[in-house]
Amino acid sequence: MARPLRFRYSPQSWSDGRVQHDILQSLQSNIGARAATPWFKIGGDWQTHRFEMENGDVALFARTDDEAYWMGNTETPPSLWKTDKFGWQDVPYHVARWATRELTATLHEQDPWLADFPHLSWFFLPVFMSKDGRHSTRAFFREHAAGFPDADWRQTTRFFEKFLKTGVFDDYRHVMSGKLGTSDHVDPVRMSAAMAEFIAAKILTDASYDVVPEIEVTTGHSLDFRAKNDDTNVLVEVTRPQPPQNRTASGPVAAVRDTAETKTNGQLAAHGGGAVLFVDCSSFRDDAWAAVRGEQPDVRHRPAVVYRTRPNGRVEGYRKGAVPLELGDALEVVD
């Protein structure tokens, strides 16, 4: 499975003839390709190339007299196989901006509905335009409402657009967008679990905490977040139970207990305590959540917050133990 899009760096000189022979002819002979005029200008001393394949793949190449960057959701020409890879934040500004504009315009031409969600398009561009995951990741938002049951895809996509527009995750774009995955098929359970981290971060942000993802702890594990403000520094781990109809548990209460127990006996047990467990029931339909809300089952870990978010922004839930977070208006506590 290909990873989210990154740049390959070549610290060499590339002439027009070398581009023609080592890139275009290589792609033509293997999968069919043509050299297309780039849609945008790059600026600076860079020269740019755009290659479009018969199967819908696209590749970009930017070069100066002594270096070049390649990016594409297609096969890599052999002349670039042994080159180093770099993230979007690690390449020259002109190159990153040009590639972003080229690929975003291509994305919106292929799926015009995403043009209404510019920040979400930018944030998930490395997976929306990836080799293996470009169809599945877009379909997850459009056809599966990003994991929300009984919800309109427009509303759910606006929910994540509004959150991502705050810029909370801009500095962590590569790791967080990559959580959606680049599988060639939609896996609603795994992808919904990934989006649970975004929902948790939104709750923490709405409660006025600064959020830092992927916190390495001394056990060798990573916990999902560190939530900080002037008075608080708390680790948070997120889990998302599967809807009862998708699992063998006897009902929604058992689903919550079993999923939380798995997390508690794994990362949280190894960590040795101190983290808050967030149990996200946003995949539950109304009746399933009503059962959990009514019984408020224990989740074998304290402190914990069990909640359900709807794409209109409403979050309701309950707490177990002394939760060291003031969630205030970000969460409506149910009796």
C-alpha atoms as a PDB file:
ATOM      1  CA  MET A   1       0.000   0.000   0.000  1.00  0.00           C
ATOM      2  CA  ALA A   2       1.461   3.336  -1.049  1.00  0.00           C
ATOM      3  CA  ARG A   3       1.899   5.986   1.621  1.00  0.00           C
ATOM      4  CA  PRO A   4       0.571   9.551   1.524  1.00  0.00           C
ATOM      5  CA  LEU A   5       2.204  11.664  -1.144  1.00  0.00           C
ATOM      6  CA  ARG A   6       5.715  12.899  -0.472  1.00  0.00           C
ATOM      7  CA  PHE A   7       8.439  14.461  -2.601  1.00  0.00           C
ATOM      8  CA  ARG A   8      11.483  12.663  -3.981  1.00  0.00           C
ATOM      9  CA  TYR A   9      14.615  14.784  -4.084  1.00  0.00           C
ATOM     10  CA  SER A  10      17.316  14.533  -6.726  1.00  0.00           C
ATOM     11  CA  PRO A  11      20.502  16.555  -6.035  1.00  0.00           C
ATOM     12  CA  GLN A  12      21.486  16.401  -9.694  1.00  0.00           C
ATOM     13  CA  SER A  13      21.263  18.411 -12.874  1.00  0.00           C
ATOM     14  CA  TRP A  14      18.310  17.687 -15.155  1.00  0.00           C
ATOM     15  CA  SER A  15      18.341  18.897 -18.766  1.00  0.00           C
ATOM     16  CA  ASP A  16      15.342  18.894 -21.093  1.00  0.00           C
ATOM     17  CA  GLY A  17      16.801  15.834 -22.784  1.00  0.00           C
ATOM     18  CA  ARG A  18      17.220  13.938 -19.545  1.00  0.00           C
ATOM     19  CA  VAL A  19      13.650  14.708 -18.478  1.00  0.00           C
ATOM     20  CA  GLN A  20      12.451  13.467 -21.873  1.00  0.00           C
ATOM     21  CA  HIS A  21      14.478  10.244 -21.752  1.00  0.00           C
ATOM     22  CA  ASP A  22      14.574   9.291 -18.076  1.00  0.00           C
ATOM     23  CA  ILE A  23      11.064  10.330 -17.083  1.00  0.00           C
ATOM     24  CA  LEU A  24       8.652  10.766 -19.969  1.00  0.00           C
ATOM     25  CA  GLN A  25       9.863   7.881 -22.126  1.00  0.00           C
ATOM     26  CA  SER A  26      10.059   5.608 -19.095  1.00  0.00           C
ATOM     27  CA  LEU A  27       6.456   6.376 -18.158  1.00  0.00           C
ATOM     28  CA  GLN A  28       5.285   6.114 -21.762  1.00  0.00           C
ATOM     29  CA  SER A  29       6.741   2.650 -22.213  1.00  0.00           C
ATOM     30  CA  ASN A  30       5.308   1.271 -18.979  1.00  0.00           C
ATOM     31  CA  ILE A  31       1.873   2.813 -18.440  1.00  0.00           C
ATOM     32  CA  GLY A  32       1.306   5.378 -21.160  1.00  0.00           C
ATOM     33  CA  ALA A  33       2.002   9.025 -20.424  1.00  0.00           C
ATOM     34  CA  ARG A  34       2.053  12.439 -22.002  1.00  0.00           C
ATOM     35  CA  ALA A  35       3.750  15.681 -21.102  1.00  0.00           C
ATOM     36  CA  ALA A  36       1.092  18.279 -20.273  1.00  0.00           C
ATOM     37  CA  THR A  37       1.456  21.994 -19.714  1.00  0.00           C
ATOM     38  CA  PRO A  38       1.490  22.761 -15.976  1.00  0.00           C
ATOM     39  CA  TRP A  39      -1.640  24.564 -14.857  1.00  0.00           C
ATOM     40  CA  PHE A  40       0.166  27.036 -12.594  1.00  0.00           C
ATOM     41  CA  LYS A  41       3.423  28.988 -12.541  1.00  0.00           C
ATOM     42  CA  ILE A  42       5.962  28.236  -9.835  1.00  0.00           C
ATOM     43  CA  GLY A  43       8.121  31.352  -9.547  1.00  0.00           C
ATOM     44  CA  GLY A  44      11.779  31.564  -8.648  1.00  0.00           C
ATOM     45  CA  ASP A  45      14.374  29.744 -10.753  1.00  0.00           C
ATOM     46  CA  TRP A  46      12.358  26.568 -11.092  1.00  0.00           C
ATOM     47  CA  GLN A  47      11.240  24.870 -14.278  1.00  0.00           C
ATOM     48  CA  THR A  48       8.208  22.641 -14.058  1.00  0.00           C
ATOM     49  CA  HIS A  49       6.745  19.608 -15.799  1.00  0.00           C
ATOM     50  CA  ARG A  50       3.401  17.856 -15.527  1.00  0.00           C
ATOM     51  CA  PHE A  51       2.880  14.273 -16.690  1.00  0.00           C
ATOM     52  CA  GLU A  52      -0.548  12.718 -17.150  1.00  0.00           C
ATOM     53  CA  MET A  53      -1.036   8.968 -17.476  1.00  0.00           C
ATOM     54  CA  GLU A  54      -3.676   7.076 -19.431  1.00  0.00           C
ATOM     55  CA  ASN A  55      -4.995   5.520 -16.204  1.00  0.00           C
ATOM     56  CA  GLY A  56      -5.619   8.916 -14.579  1.00  0.00           C
ATOM     57  CA  ASP A  57      -2.357   9.131 -12.619  1.00  0.00           C
ATOM     58  CA  VAL A  58      -0.541  12.452 -12.517  1.00  0.00           C
ATOM     59  CA  ALA A  59       3.061  13.364 -11.705  1.00  0.00           C
ATOM     60  CA  LEU A  60       4.888  16.643 -11.150  1.00  0.00           C
ATOM     61  CA  PHE A  61       8.550  17.526 -11.584  1.00  0.00           C
ATOM     62  CA  ALA A  62      10.276  20.778 -10.627  1.00  0.00           C
ATOM     63  CA  ARG A  63      13.958  21.438 -11.331  1.00  0.00           C
ATOM     64  CA  THR A  64      16.702  24.029 -11.242  1.00  0.00           C
ATOM     65  CA  ASP A  65      20.213  23.739 -12.657  1.00  0.00           C
ATOM     66  CA  ASP A  66      21.396  21.459  -9.862  1.00  0.00           C
ATOM     67  CA  GLU A  67      18.430  19.846  -8.090  1.00  0.00           C
ATOM     68  CA  ALA A  68      14.912  18.561  -8.664  1.00  0.00           C
ATOM     69  CA  TYR A  69      11.782  17.356  -6.871  1.00  0.00           C
ATOM     70  CA  TRP A  70       9.373  14.686  -8.064  1.00  0.00           C
ATOM     71  CA  MET A  71       5.871  13.904  -6.807  1.00  0.00           C
ATOM     72  CA  GLY A  72       3.249  11.646  -8.293  1.00  0.00           C
ATOM     73  CA  ASN A  73       0.505   9.111  -7.595  1.00  0.00           C
ATOM     74  CA  THR A  74       1.967   6.867 -10.236  1.00  0.00           C
ATOM     75  CA  GLU A  75       4.984   4.609 -10.611  1.00  0.00           C
ATOM     76  CA  THR A  76       8.355   6.243 -10.015  1.00  0.00           C
ATOM     77  CA  PRO A  77      10.791   6.224 -12.956  1.00  0.00           C
ATOM     78  CA  PRO A  78      13.876   4.059 -12.257  1.00  0.00           C
ATOM     79  CA  SER A  79      16.149   7.110 -12.416  1.00  0.00           C
ATOM     80  CA  LEU A  80      14.471   8.353  -9.200  1.00  0.00           C
ATOM     81  CA  TRP A  81      14.171   5.077  -7.304  1.00  0.00           C
ATOM     82  CA  LYS A  82      17.041   5.654  -4.886  1.00  0.00           C
ATOM     83  CA  THR A  83      16.278   9.272  -4.101  1.00  0.00           C
ATOM     84  CA  ASP A  84      15.377  10.475  -0.607  1.00  0.00           C
ATOM     85  CA  LYS A  85      11.799  11.364   0.287  1.00  0.00           C
ATOM     86  CA  PHE A  86      10.719  14.586   1.980  1.00  0.00           C
ATOM     87  CA  GLY A  87       7.490  15.877   3.480  1.00  0.00           C
ATOM     88  CA  TRP A  88       5.610  18.905   2.215  1.00  0.00           C
ATOM     89  CA  GLN A  89       7.040  21.105   4.966  1.00  0.00           C
ATOM     90  CA  ASP A  90      10.620  20.086   4.127  1.00  0.00           C
ATOM     91  CA  VAL A  91      10.839  21.219   0.498  1.00  0.00           C
ATOM     92  CA  PRO A  92      11.301  24.751  -0.882  1.00  0.00           C
ATOM     93  CA  TYR A  93       8.263  26.964  -0.542  1.00  0.00           C
ATOM     94  CA  HIS A  94       7.883  27.515  -4.283  1.00  0.00           C
ATOM     95  CA  VAL A  95       7.851  23.760  -4.923  1.00  0.00           C
ATOM     96  CA  ALA A  96       5.356  22.942  -2.174  1.00  0.00           C
ATOM     97  CA  ARG A  97       3.030  25.786  -3.180  1.00  0.00           C
ATOM     98  CA  TRP A  98       3.141  24.846  -6.865  1.00  0.00           C
ATOM     99  CA  ALA A  99       2.493  21.154  -6.189  1.00  0.00           C
ATOM    100  CA  THR A 100      -0.368  22.059  -3.870  1.00  0.00           C
ATOM    101  CA  ARG A 101      -2.012  24.248  -6.502  1.00  0.00           C
ATOM    102  CA  GLU A 102      -1.559  21.685  -9.280  1.00  0.00           C
ATOM    103  CA  LEU A 103      -2.911  18.769  -7.253  1.00  0.00           C
ATOM    104  CA  THR A 104      -5.728  20.707  -5.606  1.00  0.00           C
ATOM    105  CA  ALA A 105      -6.983  21.896  -8.988  1.00  0.00           C
ATOM    106  CA  THR A 106      -6.768  18.322 -10.283  1.00  0.00           C
ATOM    107  CA  LEU A 107      -8.656  17.055  -7.239  1.00  0.00           C
ATOM    108  CA  HIS A 108     -11.440  19.598  -7.719  1.00  0.00           C
ATOM    109  CA  GLU A 109     -11.684  18.817 -11.423  1.00  0.00           C
ATOM    110  CA  GLN A 110     -12.105  15.123 -10.617  1.00  0.00           C
ATOM    111  CA  ASP A 111     -14.430  15.665  -7.627  1.00  0.00           C
ATOM    112  CA  PRO A 112     -15.975  19.145  -7.873  1.00  0.00           C
ATOM    113  CA  TRP A 113     -17.915  18.729  -4.613  1.00  0.00           C
ATOM    114  CA  LEU A 114     -14.648  19.012  -2.674  1.00  0.00           C
ATOM    115  CA  ALA A 115     -14.117  22.552  -3.974  1.00  0.00           C
ATOM    116  CA  ASP A 116     -16.634  23.732  -1.365  1.00  0.00           C
ATOM    117  CA  PHE A 117     -14.278  22.486   1.359  1.00  0.00           C
ATOM    118  CA  PRO A 118     -10.920  24.148   0.636  1.00  0.00           C
ATOM    119  CA  HIS A 119      -9.173  23.508   3.943  1.00  0.00           C
ATOM    120  CA  LEU A 120     -10.243  19.884   4.106  1.00  0.00           C
ATOM    121  CA  SER A 121      -9.065  19.513   0.485  1.00  0.00           C
ATOM    122  CA  TRP A 122      -5.676  20.956   1.407  1.00  0.00           C
ATOM    123  CA  PHE A 123      -5.285  19.031   4.653  1.00  0.00           C
ATOM    124  CA  PHE A 124      -6.094  15.611   3.191  1.00  0.00           C
ATOM    125  CA  LEU A 125      -4.470  16.287  -0.189  1.00  0.00           C
ATOM    126  CA  PRO A 126      -1.633  13.778   0.502  1.00  0.00           C
ATOM    127  CA  VAL A 127      -4.221  10.980   0.761  1.00  0.00           C
ATOM    128  CA  PHE A 128      -6.947  12.379  -1.520  1.00  0.00           C
ATOM    129  CA  MET A 129      -4.368  12.313  -4.341  1.00  0.00           C
ATOM    130  CA  SER A 130      -2.391   9.254  -3.226  1.00  0.00           C
ATOM    131  CA  LYS A 131      -1.741   6.313  -5.527  1.00  0.00           C
ATOM    132  CA  ASP A 132      -3.866   3.721  -3.741  1.00  0.00           C
ATOM    133  CA  GLY A 133      -6.134   5.790  -1.531  1.00  0.00           C
ATOM    134  CA  ARG A 134      -7.440   8.546  -3.747  1.00  0.00           C
ATOM    135  CA  HIS A 135     -10.789   6.888  -4.447  1.00  0.00           C
ATOM    136  CA  SER A 136     -11.406   5.361  -1.010  1.00  0.00           C
ATOM    137  CA  THR A 137     -10.583   8.459   1.036  1.00  0.00           C
ATOM    138  CA  ARG A 138     -12.853  10.701  -1.015  1.00  0.00           C
ATOM    139  CA  ALA A 139     -15.624   8.102  -0.943  1.00  0.00           C
ATOM    140  CA  PHE A 140     -15.371   7.896   2.838  1.00  0.00           C
ATOM    141  CA  PHE A 141     -16.467  11.534   3.108  1.00  0.00           C
ATOM    142  CA  ARG A 142     -18.999  11.503   0.264  1.00  0.00           C
ATOM    143  CA  GLU A 143     -20.565   8.036   0.536  1.00  0.00           C
ATOM    144  CA  HIS A 144     -20.008   7.181   4.205  1.00  0.00           C
ATOM    145  CA  ALA A 145     -20.515  10.640   5.758  1.00  0.00           C
ATOM    146  CA  ALA A 146     -17.053  10.418   7.362  1.00  0.00           C
ATOM    147  CA  GLY A 147     -18.278   7.801   9.827  1.00  0.00           C
ATOM    148  CA  PHE A 148     -21.370   9.563  11.169  1.00  0.00           C
ATOM    149  CA  PRO A 149     -24.564   7.458  11.025  1.00  0.00           C
ATOM    150  CA  ASP A 150     -27.812   8.889   9.687  1.00  0.00           C
ATOM    151  CA  ALA A 151     -26.086  12.063   8.556  1.00  0.00           C
ATOM    152  CA  ASP A 152     -25.835  14.071   5.357  1.00  0.00           C
ATOM    153  CA  TRP A 153     -22.353  14.080   3.819  1.00  0.00           C
ATOM    154  CA  ARG A 154     -22.487  17.840   3.328  1.00  0.00           C
ATOM    155  CA  GLN A 155     -23.055  18.463   7.014  1.00  0.00           C
ATOM    156  CA  THR A 156     -20.392  16.017   8.140  1.00  0.00           C
ATOM    157  CA  THR A 157     -17.831  17.387   5.710  1.00  0.00           C
ATOM    158  CA  ARG A 158     -18.621  20.933   6.866  1.00  0.00           C
ATOM    159  CA  PHE A 159     -18.050  19.740  10.451  1.00  0.00           C
ATOM    160  CA  PHE A 160     -14.478  18.691   9.689  1.00  0.00           C
ATOM    161  CA  GLU A 161     -13.880  21.652   7.365  1.00  0.00           C
ATOM    162  CA  LYS A 162     -14.786  24.044  10.168  1.00  0.00           C
ATOM    163  CA  PHE A 163     -12.441  22.309  12.607  1.00  0.00           C
ATOM    164  CA  LEU A 164      -9.497  22.001  10.218  1.00  0.00           C
ATOM    165  CA  LYS A 165      -9.903  25.644   9.237  1.00  0.00           C
ATOM    166  CA  THR A 166      -8.816  26.605  12.757  1.00  0.00           C
ATOM    167  CA  GLY A 167      -5.310  25.418  11.847  1.00  0.00           C
ATOM    168  CA  VAL A 168      -4.949  23.312  14.994  1.00  0.00           C
ATOM    169  CA  PHE A 169      -3.386  20.463  13.030  1.00  0.00           C
ATOM    170  CA  ASP A 170      -1.623  22.423  10.289  1.00  0.00           C
ATOM    171  CA  ASP A 171       1.809  21.684  11.761  1.00  0.00           C
ATOM    172  CA  TYR A 172       0.922  17.990  12.045  1.00  0.00           C
ATOM    173  CA  ARG A 173      -0.713  17.638   8.657  1.00  0.00           C
ATOM    174  CA  HIS A 174       1.343  14.732   7.360  1.00  0.00           C
ATOM    175  CA  VAL A 175       0.923  12.452  10.357  1.00  0.00           C
ATOM    176  CA  MET A 176      -2.735  13.306  10.946  1.00  0.00           C
ATOM    177  CA  SER A 177      -3.907  13.164   7.326  1.00  0.00           C
ATOM    178  CA  GLY A 178      -2.061   9.879   6.965  1.00  0.00           C
ATOM    179  CA  LYS A 179      -4.229   8.337   9.676  1.00  0.00           C
ATOM    180  CA  LEU A 180      -7.065   8.180   7.154  1.00  0.00           C
ATOM    181  CA  GLY A 181      -4.924   5.695   5.250  1.00  0.00           C
ATOM    182  CA  THR A 182      -4.202   4.984   1.603  1.00  0.00           C
ATOM    183  CA  SER A 183      -5.995   1.669   1.170  1.00  0.00           C
ATOM    184  CA  ASP A 184      -7.634   1.027  -2.196  1.00  0.00           C
ATOM    185  CA  HIS A 185     -10.946   0.214  -0.502  1.00  0.00           C
ATOM    186  CA  VAL A 186     -13.113   1.951   2.071  1.00  0.00           C
ATOM    187  CA  ASP A 187     -12.764   0.508   5.564  1.00  0.00           C
ATOM    188  CA  PRO A 188     -15.442   2.398   7.507  1.00  0.00           C
ATOM    189  CA  VAL A 189     -14.414   0.998  10.903  1.00  0.00           C
ATOM    190  CA  ARG A 190     -10.729   1.865  10.614  1.00  0.00           C
ATOM    191  CA  MET A 191     -11.335   5.210   8.939  1.00  0.00           C
ATOM    192  CA  SER A 192     -13.990   6.208  11.475  1.00  0.00           C
ATOM    193  CA  ALA A 193     -11.551   5.345  14.241  1.00  0.00           C
ATOM    194  CA  ALA A 194      -9.040   7.695  12.632  1.00  0.00           C
ATOM    195  CA  MET A 195     -11.576  10.514  12.487  1.00  0.00           C
ATOM    196  CA  ALA A 196     -12.368   9.934  16.170  1.00  0.00           C
ATOM    197  CA  GLU A 197      -9.007  11.540  16.901  1.00  0.00           C
ATOM    198  CA  PHE A 198     -10.086  14.656  15.019  1.00  0.00           C
ATOM    199  CA  ILE A 199     -13.349  14.746  16.964  1.00  0.00           C
ATOM    200  CA  ALA A 200     -11.486  14.391  20.266  1.00  0.00           C
ATOM    201  CA  ALA A 201      -9.119  17.176  19.277  1.00  0.00           C
ATOM    202  CA  LYS A 202     -12.069  19.400  18.418  1.00  0.00           C
ATOM    203  CA  ILE A 203     -13.609  18.803  21.852  1.00  0.00           C
ATOM    204  CA  LEU A 204     -10.324  19.654  23.551  1.00  0.00           C
ATOM    205  CA  THR A 205      -9.820  22.718  21.361  1.00  0.00           C
ATOM    206  CA  ASP A 206     -13.360  23.938  22.017  1.00  0.00           C
ATOM    207  CA  ALA A 207     -12.546  23.587  25.718  1.00  0.00           C
ATOM    208  CA  SER A 208      -9.563  25.933  25.204  1.00  0.00           C
ATOM    209  CA  TYR A 209      -6.772  23.361  25.365  1.00  0.00           C
ATOM    210  CA  ASP A 210      -3.752  23.320  23.092  1.00  0.00           C
ATOM    211  CA  VAL A 211      -3.471  19.916  21.459  1.00  0.00           C
ATOM    212  CA  VAL A 212      -0.283  18.102  20.442  1.00  0.00           C
ATOM    213  CA  PRO A 213      -0.691  14.684  18.765  1.00  0.00           C
ATOM    214  CA  GLU A 214       1.345  11.475  18.941  1.00  0.00           C
ATOM    215  CA  ILE A 215       3.003  11.728  22.331  1.00  0.00           C
ATOM    216  CA  GLU A 216       5.735   9.159  22.905  1.00  0.00           C
ATOM    217  CA  VAL A 217       5.857   7.788  26.435  1.00  0.00           C
ATOM    218  CA  THR A 218       8.560   5.896  28.282  1.00  0.00           C
ATOM    219  CA  THR A 219       7.003   2.485  27.566  1.00  0.00           C
ATOM    220  CA  GLY A 220       7.697   2.892  23.864  1.00  0.00           C
ATOM    221  CA  HIS A 221       4.040   3.506  23.086  1.00  0.00           C
ATOM    222  CA  SER A 222       2.508   6.658  21.712  1.00  0.00           C
ATOM    223  CA  LEU A 223      -0.635   8.184  23.152  1.00  0.00           C
ATOM    224  CA  ASP A 224      -2.915  10.217  20.952  1.00  0.00           C
ATOM    225  CA  PHE A 225      -2.687  13.697  22.489  1.00  0.00           C
ATOM    226  CA  ARG A 226      -1.261  16.018  25.057  1.00  0.00           C
ATOM    227  CA  ALA A 227      -3.840  18.605  26.129  1.00  0.00           C
ATOM    228  CA  LYS A 228      -2.322  21.715  27.676  1.00  0.00           C
ATOM    229  CA  ASN A 229      -3.216  25.108  29.019  1.00  0.00           C
ATOM    230  CA  ASP A 230      -1.679  27.329  31.699  1.00  0.00           C
ATOM    231  CA  ASP A 231      -2.838  25.007  34.471  1.00  0.00           C
ATOM    232  CA  THR A 232      -3.100  21.571  32.881  1.00  0.00           C
ATOM    233  CA  ASN A 233      -0.884  19.081  31.071  1.00  0.00           C
ATOM    234  CA  VAL A 234      -2.800  15.849  30.430  1.00  0.00           C
ATOM    235  CA  LEU A 235      -2.316  12.858  28.138  1.00  0.00           C
ATOM    236  CA  VAL A 236      -5.384  11.645  26.244  1.00  0.00           C
ATOM    237  CA  GLU A 237      -5.975   8.332  24.490  1.00  0.00           C
ATOM    238  CA  VAL A 238      -8.953   7.897  22.147  1.00  0.00           C
ATOM    239  CA  THR A 239     -10.905   4.761  21.291  1.00  0.00           C
ATOM    240  CA  ARG A 240     -14.008   4.363  19.149  1.00  0.00           C
ATOM    241  CA  PRO A 241     -16.321   1.396  19.724  1.00  0.00           C
ATOM    242  CA  GLN A 242     -17.822  -0.180  16.640  1.00  0.00           C
ATOM    243  CA  PRO A 243     -21.590   0.161  16.289  1.00  0.00           C
ATOM    244  CA  PRO A 244     -23.299  -2.864  17.837  1.00  0.00           C
ATOM    245  CA  GLN A 245     -24.653  -4.108  14.495  1.00  0.00           C
ATOM    246  CA  ASN A 246     -21.064  -4.433  13.228  1.00  0.00           C
ATOM    247  CA  ARG A 247     -19.670  -6.606  16.002  1.00  0.00           C
ATOM    248  CA  THR A 248     -20.381  -9.727  18.052  1.00  0.00           C
ATOM    249  CA  ALA A 249     -21.067  -7.933  21.328  1.00  0.00           C
ATOM    250  CA  SER A 250     -24.617  -8.323  22.553  1.00  0.00           C
ATOM    251  CA  GLY A 251     -25.436  -4.628  22.511  1.00  0.00           C
ATOM    252  CA  PRO A 252     -24.160  -1.066  22.690  1.00  0.00           C
ATOM    253  CA  VAL A 253     -23.283  -1.181  26.392  1.00  0.00           C
ATOM    254  CA  ALA A 254     -21.161  -4.306  25.840  1.00  0.00           C
ATOM    255  CA  ALA A 255     -19.586  -2.673  22.800  1.00  0.00           C
ATOM    256  CA  VAL A 256     -18.434   0.268  24.899  1.00  0.00           C
ATOM    257  CA  ARG A 257     -17.143  -1.934  27.713  1.00  0.00           C
ATOM    258  CA  ASP A 258     -15.300  -4.366  25.464  1.00  0.00           C
ATOM    259  CA  THR A 259     -13.641  -1.756  23.281  1.00  0.00           C
ATOM    260  CA  ALA A 260     -12.526   0.298  26.255  1.00  0.00           C
ATOM    261  CA  GLU A 261     -11.206  -2.831  27.968  1.00  0.00           C
ATOM    262  CA  THR A 262      -9.063  -3.630  24.925  1.00  0.00           C
ATOM    263  CA  LYS A 263      -7.518  -0.180  25.051  1.00  0.00           C
ATOM    264  CA  THR A 264      -7.150  -0.318  28.850  1.00  0.00           C
ATOM    265  CA  ASN A 265      -5.361  -3.665  28.762  1.00  0.00           C
ATOM    266  CA  GLY A 266      -3.066  -2.465  25.983  1.00  0.00           C
ATOM    267  CA  GLN A 267      -1.505   0.962  25.682  1.00  0.00           C
ATOM    268  CA  LEU A 268      -2.956   2.380  28.880  1.00  0.00           C
ATOM    269  CA  ALA A 269      -1.893  -0.608  30.978  1.00  0.00           C
ATOM    270  CA  ALA A 270       1.640  -0.356  29.623  1.00  0.00           C
ATOM    271  CA  HIS A 271       1.674   3.357  30.302  1.00  0.00           C
ATOM    272  CA  GLY A 272       0.839   2.733  33.934  1.00  0.00           C
ATOM    273  CA  GLY A 273      -1.922   5.280  34.461  1.00  0.00           C
ATOM    274  CA  GLY A 274      -2.322   9.028  34.374  1.00  0.00           C
ATOM    275  CA  ALA A 275      -3.930   9.324  30.934  1.00  0.00           C
ATOM    276  CA  VAL A 276      -7.553  10.196  30.284  1.00  0.00           C
ATOM    277  CA  LEU A 277      -9.459   7.734  28.098  1.00  0.00           C
ATOM    278  CA  PHE A 278     -11.832   9.286  25.562  1.00  0.00           C
ATOM    279  CA  VAL A 279     -14.457   6.786  24.367  1.00  0.00           C
ATOM    280  CA  ASP A 280     -16.030   8.170  21.197  1.00  0.00           C
ATOM    281  CA  CYS A 281     -19.468   6.703  20.440  1.00  0.00           C
ATOM    282  CA  SER A 282     -20.088   8.939  17.430  1.00  0.00           C
ATOM    283  CA  SER A 283     -20.605   5.881  15.215  1.00  0.00           C
ATOM    284  CA  PHE A 284     -23.657   4.878  17.302  1.00  0.00           C
ATOM    285  CA  ARG A 285     -27.158   5.537  16.035  1.00  0.00           C
ATOM    286  CA  ASP A 286     -29.672   7.267  18.291  1.00  0.00           C
ATOM    287  CA  ASP A 287     -31.104   4.130  19.890  1.00  0.00           C
ATOM    288  CA  ALA A 288     -27.684   2.610  20.596  1.00  0.00           C
ATOM    289  CA  TRP A 289     -26.402   5.809  22.157  1.00  0.00           C
ATOM    290  CA  ALA A 290     -29.596   6.142  24.220  1.00  0.00           C
ATOM    291  CA  ALA A 291     -28.849   2.755  25.802  1.00  0.00           C
ATOM    292  CA  VAL A 292     -25.284   3.799  26.666  1.00  0.00           C
ATOM    293  CA  ARG A 293     -26.382   7.192  27.929  1.00  0.00           C
ATOM    294  CA  GLY A 294     -29.050   5.597  30.097  1.00  0.00           C
ATOM    295  CA  GLU A 295     -26.844   2.970  31.727  1.00  0.00           C
ATOM    296  CA  GLN A 296     -23.561   4.920  31.691  1.00  0.00           C
ATOM    297  CA  PRO A 297     -21.434   1.773  31.901  1.00  0.00           C
ATOM    298  CA  ASP A 298     -18.033   1.788  33.510  1.00  0.00           C
ATOM    299  CA  VAL A 299     -15.154   1.383  31.048  1.00  0.00           C
ATOM    300  CA  ARG A 300     -12.537  -0.267  33.323  1.00  0.00           C
ATOM    301  CA  HIS A 301     -10.352   2.824  33.239  1.00  0.00           C
ATOM    302  CA  ARG A 302     -10.489   6.036  35.184  1.00  0.00           C
ATOM    303  CA  PRO A 303     -10.462   8.850  34.438  1.00  0.00           C
ATOM    304  CA  ALA A 304     -12.580   8.482  31.289  1.00  0.00           C
ATOM    305  CA  VAL A 305     -15.020  10.471  29.188  1.00  0.00           C
ATOM    306  CA  VAL A 306     -17.661   8.637  27.141  1.00  0.00           C
ATOM    307  CA  TYR A 307     -19.406  10.801  24.568  1.00  0.00           C
ATOM    308  CA  ARG A 308     -21.178  11.044  21.237  1.00  0.00           C
ATOM    309  CA  THR A 309     -20.728  13.877  18.767  1.00  0.00           C
ATOM    310  CA  ARG A 310     -23.173  14.818  16.051  1.00  0.00           C
ATOM    311  CA  PRO A 311     -22.146  16.749  12.923  1.00  0.00           C
ATOM    312  CA  ASN A 312     -24.176  19.768  14.039  1.00  0.00           C
ATOM    313  CA  GLY A 313     -21.520  20.162  16.744  1.00  0.00           C
ATOM    314  CA  ARG A 314     -23.510  18.880  19.715  1.00  0.00           C
ATOM    315  CA  VAL A 315     -21.518  16.655  22.080  1.00  0.00           C
ATOM    316  CA  GLU A 316     -23.061  14.865  25.028  1.00  0.00           C
ATOM    317  CA  GLY A 317     -21.543  12.323  27.370  1.00  0.00           C
ATOM    318  CA  TYR A 318     -20.606  11.298  30.876  1.00  0.00           C
ATOM    319  CA  ARG A 319     -17.452  11.016  32.963  1.00  0.00           C
ATOM    320  CA  LYS A 320     -15.972   8.259  35.092  1.00  0.00           C
ATOM    321  CA  GLY A 321     -13.491   9.166  37.791  1.00  0.00           C
ATOM    322  CA  ALA A 322     -11.853  12.525  38.430  1.00  0.00           C
ATOM    323  CA  VAL A 323     -11.272  13.832  34.927  1.00  0.00           C
ATOM    324  CA  PRO A 324      -8.518  16.494  35.083  1.00  0.00           C
ATOM    325  CA  LEU A 325      -9.978  18.428  32.171  1.00  0.00           C
ATOM    326  CA  GLU A 326     -12.494  21.252  32.271  1.00  0.00           C
ATOM    327  CA  LEU A 327     -14.548  20.498  29.185  1.00  0.00           C
ATOM    328  CA  GLY A 328     -17.168  23.154  29.967  1.00  0.00           C
ATOM    329  CA  ASP A 329     -19.382  24.056  27.042  1.00  0.00           C
ATOM    330  CA  ALA A 330     -17.529  21.634  24.747  1.00  0.00           C
ATOM    331  CA  LEU A 331     -19.468  18.703  26.226  1.00  0.00           C
ATOM    332  CA  GLU A 332     -22.985  18.492  27.601  1.00  0.00           C
ATOM    333  CA  VAL A 333     -22.887  16.191  30.637  1.00  0.00           C
ATOM    334  CA  VAL A 334     -25.870  13.831  30.778  1.00  0.00           C
ATOM    335  CA  ASP A 335     -27.436  12.677  34.047  1.00  0.00           C
END
